[in-house]
Each structure stands twice: as structure tokens, then as C-alpha cells.
Amino acid sequence: MPSGFPVIVLVDETLERRKGKQIKAKGYYRDAVRSTQKKVVKCLGLKWICMTLVVPLPWNKRPWALPFLTALLNRSLINQYQALNNLLK
């Protein structure tokens, strides 16, 4: 990293559309690509969380976001977290 360049970490959610009986971590998630402000579209699939580090590269004018951590979101953990939040309110 060049001196004076700030350390920037980005977090991204990605929906991977998947179907099938053998896929255990699937769930219904809001599809940000197909949804609008008036119409919400939900898709069956896997939701991934990806953390990236933004770095400048000498051969490109724009910095690149290089992934360093990717994790699969588990729908049952999200439901437990939301239930706990509702109890604490």
C-alpha cells in the first residue's frame, strides 16, 4: 500500500440463486437486482457476505476491491438474531 493511502474495507452481500433438496443453507432473501421501491422480489438461494480491501494497483486508474473473507449466511442464525432483538425491545 502506498503511504498516505487510507485503509478501506468494504462489505458486500451477494445472493446466489440455488434450488434443490440437497442445499441445506438456502432461504428466501430479497433480491436487490430485481426489486424496486414499489415491488419487492424474493428469491430462493444462498446469501454470501464478502469483505474486501480496497487497494490501488499501478496498472489501473481505479482502485480494486480484493476479497479476503467470504462467509455463507445461515438463515436459521438470522432468525434467532431477529427473535432476540424483538425480545430486547
N, C-alpha and C. Protein backbone atom coordinates (compact mmCIF):
# COMPACT_ATOMS: atom_id res chain seq x y z
N MET A 1 0.85 -1.17 0.00
CA MET A 1 0.00 0.00 0.00
C MET A 1 0.90 1.24 0.00
N PRO A 2 0.60 2.19 -0.86
CA PRO A 2 1.37 3.43 -0.84
C PRO A 2 1.13 4.21 0.44
N SER A 3 2.14 4.94 0.85
CA SER A 3 1.98 5.74 2.06
C SER A 3 0.96 6.84 1.81
N GLY A 4 0.13 7.10 2.80
CA GLY A 4 -0.91 8.12 2.66
C GLY A 4 -2.21 7.60 2.09
N PHE A 5 -2.24 6.36 1.59
CA PHE A 5 -3.49 5.79 1.06
C PHE A 5 -4.29 5.22 2.23
N PRO A 6 -5.57 5.60 2.38
CA PRO A 6 -6.35 5.12 3.53
C PRO A 6 -6.68 3.63 3.41
N VAL A 7 -6.81 2.98 4.54
CA VAL A 7 -7.24 1.58 4.57
C VAL A 7 -8.76 1.56 4.51
N ILE A 8 -9.29 1.00 3.43
CA ILE A 8 -10.73 0.96 3.23
C ILE A 8 -11.17 -0.50 3.13
N VAL A 9 -12.10 -0.90 4.00
CA VAL A 9 -12.66 -2.25 3.97
C VAL A 9 -14.13 -2.12 3.60
N LEU A 10 -14.54 -2.86 2.57
CA LEU A 10 -15.93 -2.86 2.11
C LEU A 10 -16.59 -4.19 2.44
N VAL A 11 -17.89 -4.15 2.71
CA VAL A 11 -18.67 -5.37 2.97
C VAL A 11 -19.78 -5.44 1.93
N ASP A 12 -19.95 -6.60 1.31
CA ASP A 12 -20.94 -6.77 0.25
C ASP A 12 -21.76 -8.03 0.52
N GLU A 13 -23.05 -7.94 0.24
CA GLU A 13 -23.94 -9.11 0.30
C GLU A 13 -24.26 -9.55 -1.12
N THR A 14 -24.14 -10.83 -1.37
CA THR A 14 -24.42 -11.37 -2.70
C THR A 14 -25.43 -12.50 -2.57
N LEU A 15 -26.45 -12.49 -3.41
CA LEU A 15 -27.45 -13.55 -3.44
C LEU A 15 -27.12 -14.49 -4.59
N GLU A 16 -26.92 -15.76 -4.25
CA GLU A 16 -26.68 -16.79 -5.26
C GLU A 16 -27.95 -17.63 -5.36
N ARG A 17 -28.62 -17.56 -6.50
CA ARG A 17 -29.88 -18.29 -6.65
C ARG A 17 -29.60 -19.78 -6.79
N ARG A 18 -30.17 -20.57 -5.86
CA ARG A 18 -29.98 -22.02 -5.86
C ARG A 18 -31.28 -22.69 -5.48
N LYS A 19 -31.52 -23.85 -6.07
CA LYS A 19 -32.68 -24.69 -5.72
C LYS A 19 -32.18 -26.11 -5.52
N GLY A 20 -32.98 -26.91 -4.86
CA GLY A 20 -32.64 -28.31 -4.72
C GLY A 20 -32.76 -28.80 -3.29
N LYS A 21 -33.01 -30.08 -3.15
CA LYS A 21 -33.20 -30.68 -1.83
C LYS A 21 -31.90 -30.80 -1.06
N GLN A 22 -30.77 -30.92 -1.74
CA GLN A 22 -29.51 -31.17 -1.07
C GLN A 22 -28.84 -29.90 -0.56
N ILE A 23 -29.34 -28.73 -0.92
CA ILE A 23 -28.75 -27.47 -0.46
C ILE A 23 -29.41 -27.11 0.86
N LYS A 24 -28.65 -27.17 1.95
CA LYS A 24 -29.20 -27.03 3.30
C LYS A 24 -29.32 -25.58 3.76
N ALA A 25 -28.46 -24.69 3.32
CA ALA A 25 -28.41 -23.33 3.86
C ALA A 25 -29.25 -22.34 3.05
N LYS A 26 -30.11 -22.86 2.17
CA LYS A 26 -30.88 -21.95 1.33
C LYS A 26 -32.00 -21.29 2.12
N GLY A 27 -32.44 -20.15 1.63
CA GLY A 27 -33.53 -19.42 2.26
C GLY A 27 -34.10 -18.43 1.26
N TYR A 28 -35.19 -17.77 1.64
CA TYR A 28 -35.78 -16.73 0.79
C TYR A 28 -35.22 -15.38 1.21
N TYR A 29 -34.61 -14.70 0.25
CA TYR A 29 -33.98 -13.41 0.51
C TYR A 29 -34.49 -12.39 -0.50
N ARG A 30 -34.42 -11.12 -0.12
CA ARG A 30 -34.80 -10.03 -1.02
C ARG A 30 -33.74 -9.92 -2.12
N ASP A 31 -34.18 -9.92 -3.36
CA ASP A 31 -33.28 -9.79 -4.50
C ASP A 31 -33.16 -8.31 -4.84
N ALA A 32 -32.02 -7.72 -4.54
CA ALA A 32 -31.83 -6.28 -4.74
C ALA A 32 -31.77 -5.91 -6.22
N VAL A 33 -31.39 -6.83 -7.08
CA VAL A 33 -31.29 -6.54 -8.51
C VAL A 33 -32.67 -6.46 -9.15
N ARG A 34 -33.56 -7.36 -8.79
CA ARG A 34 -34.89 -7.40 -9.41
C ARG A 34 -35.95 -6.60 -8.67
N SER A 35 -35.66 -6.16 -7.45
CA SER A 35 -36.64 -5.40 -6.67
C SER A 35 -36.60 -3.92 -7.02
N THR A 36 -37.74 -3.26 -6.82
CA THR A 36 -37.83 -1.82 -6.98
C THR A 36 -38.35 -1.24 -5.66
N GLN A 37 -38.56 0.08 -5.64
CA GLN A 37 -39.09 0.68 -4.42
C GLN A 37 -40.52 0.22 -4.15
N LYS A 38 -41.28 -0.03 -5.21
CA LYS A 38 -42.68 -0.43 -5.05
C LYS A 38 -42.87 -1.94 -4.98
N LYS A 39 -42.00 -2.70 -5.65
CA LYS A 39 -42.17 -4.14 -5.73
C LYS A 39 -40.94 -4.85 -5.15
N VAL A 40 -41.17 -5.70 -4.16
CA VAL A 40 -40.08 -6.48 -3.55
C VAL A 40 -40.12 -7.88 -4.12
N VAL A 41 -38.99 -8.33 -4.67
CA VAL A 41 -38.88 -9.67 -5.23
C VAL A 41 -37.99 -10.50 -4.31
N LYS A 42 -38.48 -11.67 -3.91
CA LYS A 42 -37.69 -12.57 -3.07
C LYS A 42 -37.32 -13.80 -3.89
N CYS A 43 -36.10 -14.29 -3.65
CA CYS A 43 -35.59 -15.45 -4.38
C CYS A 43 -35.09 -16.50 -3.41
N LEU A 44 -35.18 -17.74 -3.83
CA LEU A 44 -34.64 -18.85 -3.07
C LEU A 44 -33.17 -19.00 -3.42
N GLY A 45 -32.33 -19.04 -2.41
CA GLY A 45 -30.91 -19.19 -2.70
C GLY A 45 -30.04 -19.06 -1.47
N LEU A 46 -28.77 -18.78 -1.72
CA LEU A 46 -27.76 -18.63 -0.68
C LEU A 46 -27.33 -17.18 -0.61
N LYS A 47 -27.10 -16.68 0.58
CA LYS A 47 -26.63 -15.32 0.74
C LYS A 47 -25.21 -15.35 1.28
N TRP A 48 -24.30 -14.68 0.55
CA TRP A 48 -22.90 -14.62 0.91
C TRP A 48 -22.55 -13.22 1.38
N ILE A 49 -21.69 -13.13 2.39
CA ILE A 49 -21.13 -11.86 2.86
C ILE A 49 -19.65 -11.88 2.49
N CYS A 50 -19.20 -10.83 1.83
CA CYS A 50 -17.82 -10.76 1.36
C CYS A 50 -17.17 -9.48 1.87
N MET A 51 -16.01 -9.60 2.51
CA MET A 51 -15.25 -8.44 2.96
C MET A 51 -14.06 -8.26 2.02
N THR A 52 -13.85 -7.02 1.58
CA THR A 52 -12.79 -6.73 0.63
C THR A 52 -11.94 -5.56 1.13
N LEU A 53 -10.71 -5.54 0.68
CA LEU A 53 -9.78 -4.46 0.97
C LEU A 53 -9.57 -3.68 -0.33
N VAL A 54 -9.77 -2.37 -0.29
CA VAL A 54 -9.61 -1.53 -1.47
C VAL A 54 -8.14 -1.12 -1.57
N VAL A 55 -7.51 -1.48 -2.70
CA VAL A 55 -6.10 -1.18 -2.90
C VAL A 55 -5.88 -0.56 -4.28
N PRO A 56 -4.94 0.39 -4.39
CA PRO A 56 -4.60 0.92 -5.70
C PRO A 56 -3.63 -0.02 -6.41
N LEU A 57 -3.81 -0.20 -7.70
CA LEU A 57 -2.91 -1.03 -8.49
C LEU A 57 -2.20 -0.14 -9.51
N PRO A 58 -0.90 -0.37 -9.74
CA PRO A 58 -0.14 0.54 -10.60
C PRO A 58 -0.60 0.57 -12.05
N TRP A 59 -1.21 -0.50 -12.55
CA TRP A 59 -1.60 -0.54 -13.95
C TRP A 59 -3.05 -0.10 -14.19
N ASN A 60 -3.74 0.35 -13.15
CA ASN A 60 -5.13 0.74 -13.31
C ASN A 60 -5.36 2.10 -12.64
N LYS A 61 -6.22 2.91 -13.22
CA LYS A 61 -6.53 4.22 -12.65
C LYS A 61 -7.42 4.11 -11.42
N ARG A 62 -8.31 3.12 -11.43
CA ARG A 62 -9.25 2.94 -10.32
C ARG A 62 -8.72 1.88 -9.35
N PRO A 63 -8.94 2.06 -8.05
CA PRO A 63 -8.53 1.02 -7.09
C PRO A 63 -9.41 -0.22 -7.22
N TRP A 64 -8.86 -1.35 -6.82
CA TRP A 64 -9.58 -2.61 -6.86
C TRP A 64 -9.98 -3.03 -5.46
N ALA A 65 -11.08 -3.75 -5.35
CA ALA A 65 -11.52 -4.33 -4.08
C ALA A 65 -11.15 -5.82 -4.09
N LEU A 66 -10.17 -6.18 -3.29
CA LEU A 66 -9.69 -7.56 -3.25
C LEU A 66 -10.31 -8.30 -2.06
N PRO A 67 -11.03 -9.39 -2.31
CA PRO A 67 -11.69 -10.11 -1.21
C PRO A 67 -10.69 -10.83 -0.32
N PHE A 68 -10.93 -10.76 1.01
CA PHE A 68 -10.08 -11.50 1.93
C PHE A 68 -10.89 -12.39 2.87
N LEU A 69 -12.23 -12.22 2.90
CA LEU A 69 -13.07 -13.08 3.76
C LEU A 69 -14.44 -13.20 3.12
N THR A 70 -14.89 -14.43 2.93
CA THR A 70 -16.22 -14.69 2.40
C THR A 70 -16.89 -15.73 3.29
N ALA A 71 -18.15 -15.44 3.69
CA ALA A 71 -18.86 -16.36 4.58
C ALA A 71 -20.29 -16.54 4.10
N LEU A 72 -20.79 -17.74 4.26
CA LEU A 72 -22.17 -18.06 3.91
C LEU A 72 -23.07 -17.70 5.09
N LEU A 73 -24.12 -16.92 4.83
CA LEU A 73 -25.06 -16.54 5.87
C LEU A 73 -26.03 -17.69 6.10
N ASN A 74 -26.26 -18.04 7.34
CA ASN A 74 -27.15 -19.12 7.70
C ASN A 74 -28.51 -18.53 8.08
N ARG A 75 -29.56 -18.89 7.41
CA ARG A 75 -30.89 -18.32 7.64
C ARG A 75 -31.38 -18.56 9.07
N SER A 76 -31.08 -19.73 9.64
CA SER A 76 -31.56 -20.00 11.00
C SER A 76 -30.88 -19.08 12.01
N LEU A 77 -29.61 -18.73 11.80
CA LEU A 77 -28.94 -17.78 12.70
C LEU A 77 -29.55 -16.39 12.60
N ILE A 78 -29.93 -15.99 11.40
CA ILE A 78 -30.56 -14.68 11.20
C ILE A 78 -31.89 -14.64 11.94
N ASN A 79 -32.68 -15.72 11.84
CA ASN A 79 -33.97 -15.78 12.53
C ASN A 79 -33.79 -15.71 14.05
N GLN A 80 -32.79 -16.40 14.59
CA GLN A 80 -32.53 -16.35 16.03
C GLN A 80 -32.12 -14.94 16.46
N TYR A 81 -31.29 -14.30 15.68
CA TYR A 81 -30.83 -12.94 15.99
C TYR A 81 -32.01 -11.97 15.98
N GLN A 82 -32.89 -12.10 14.98
CA GLN A 82 -34.06 -11.21 14.90
C GLN A 82 -35.01 -11.46 16.07
N ALA A 83 -35.19 -12.70 16.47
CA ALA A 83 -36.06 -13.02 17.60
C ALA A 83 -35.49 -12.45 18.89
N LEU A 84 -34.18 -12.53 19.06
CA LEU A 84 -33.54 -11.96 20.24
C LEU A 84 -33.69 -10.44 20.27
N ASN A 85 -33.53 -9.80 19.14
CA ASN A 85 -33.71 -8.35 19.06
C ASN A 85 -35.12 -7.95 19.41
N ASN A 86 -36.11 -8.73 18.97
CA ASN A 86 -37.51 -8.42 19.27
C ASN A 86 -37.80 -8.58 20.76
N LEU A 87 -37.16 -9.55 21.42
CA LEU A 87 -37.34 -9.72 22.85
C LEU A 87 -36.74 -8.57 23.65
N LEU A 88 -35.63 -8.03 23.17
CA LEU A 88 -34.93 -6.97 23.90
C LEU A 88 -35.59 -5.60 23.72
N LYS A 89 -36.47 -5.46 22.75
CA LYS A 89 -37.12 -4.17 22.51
C LYS A 89 -38.21 -3.90 23.50
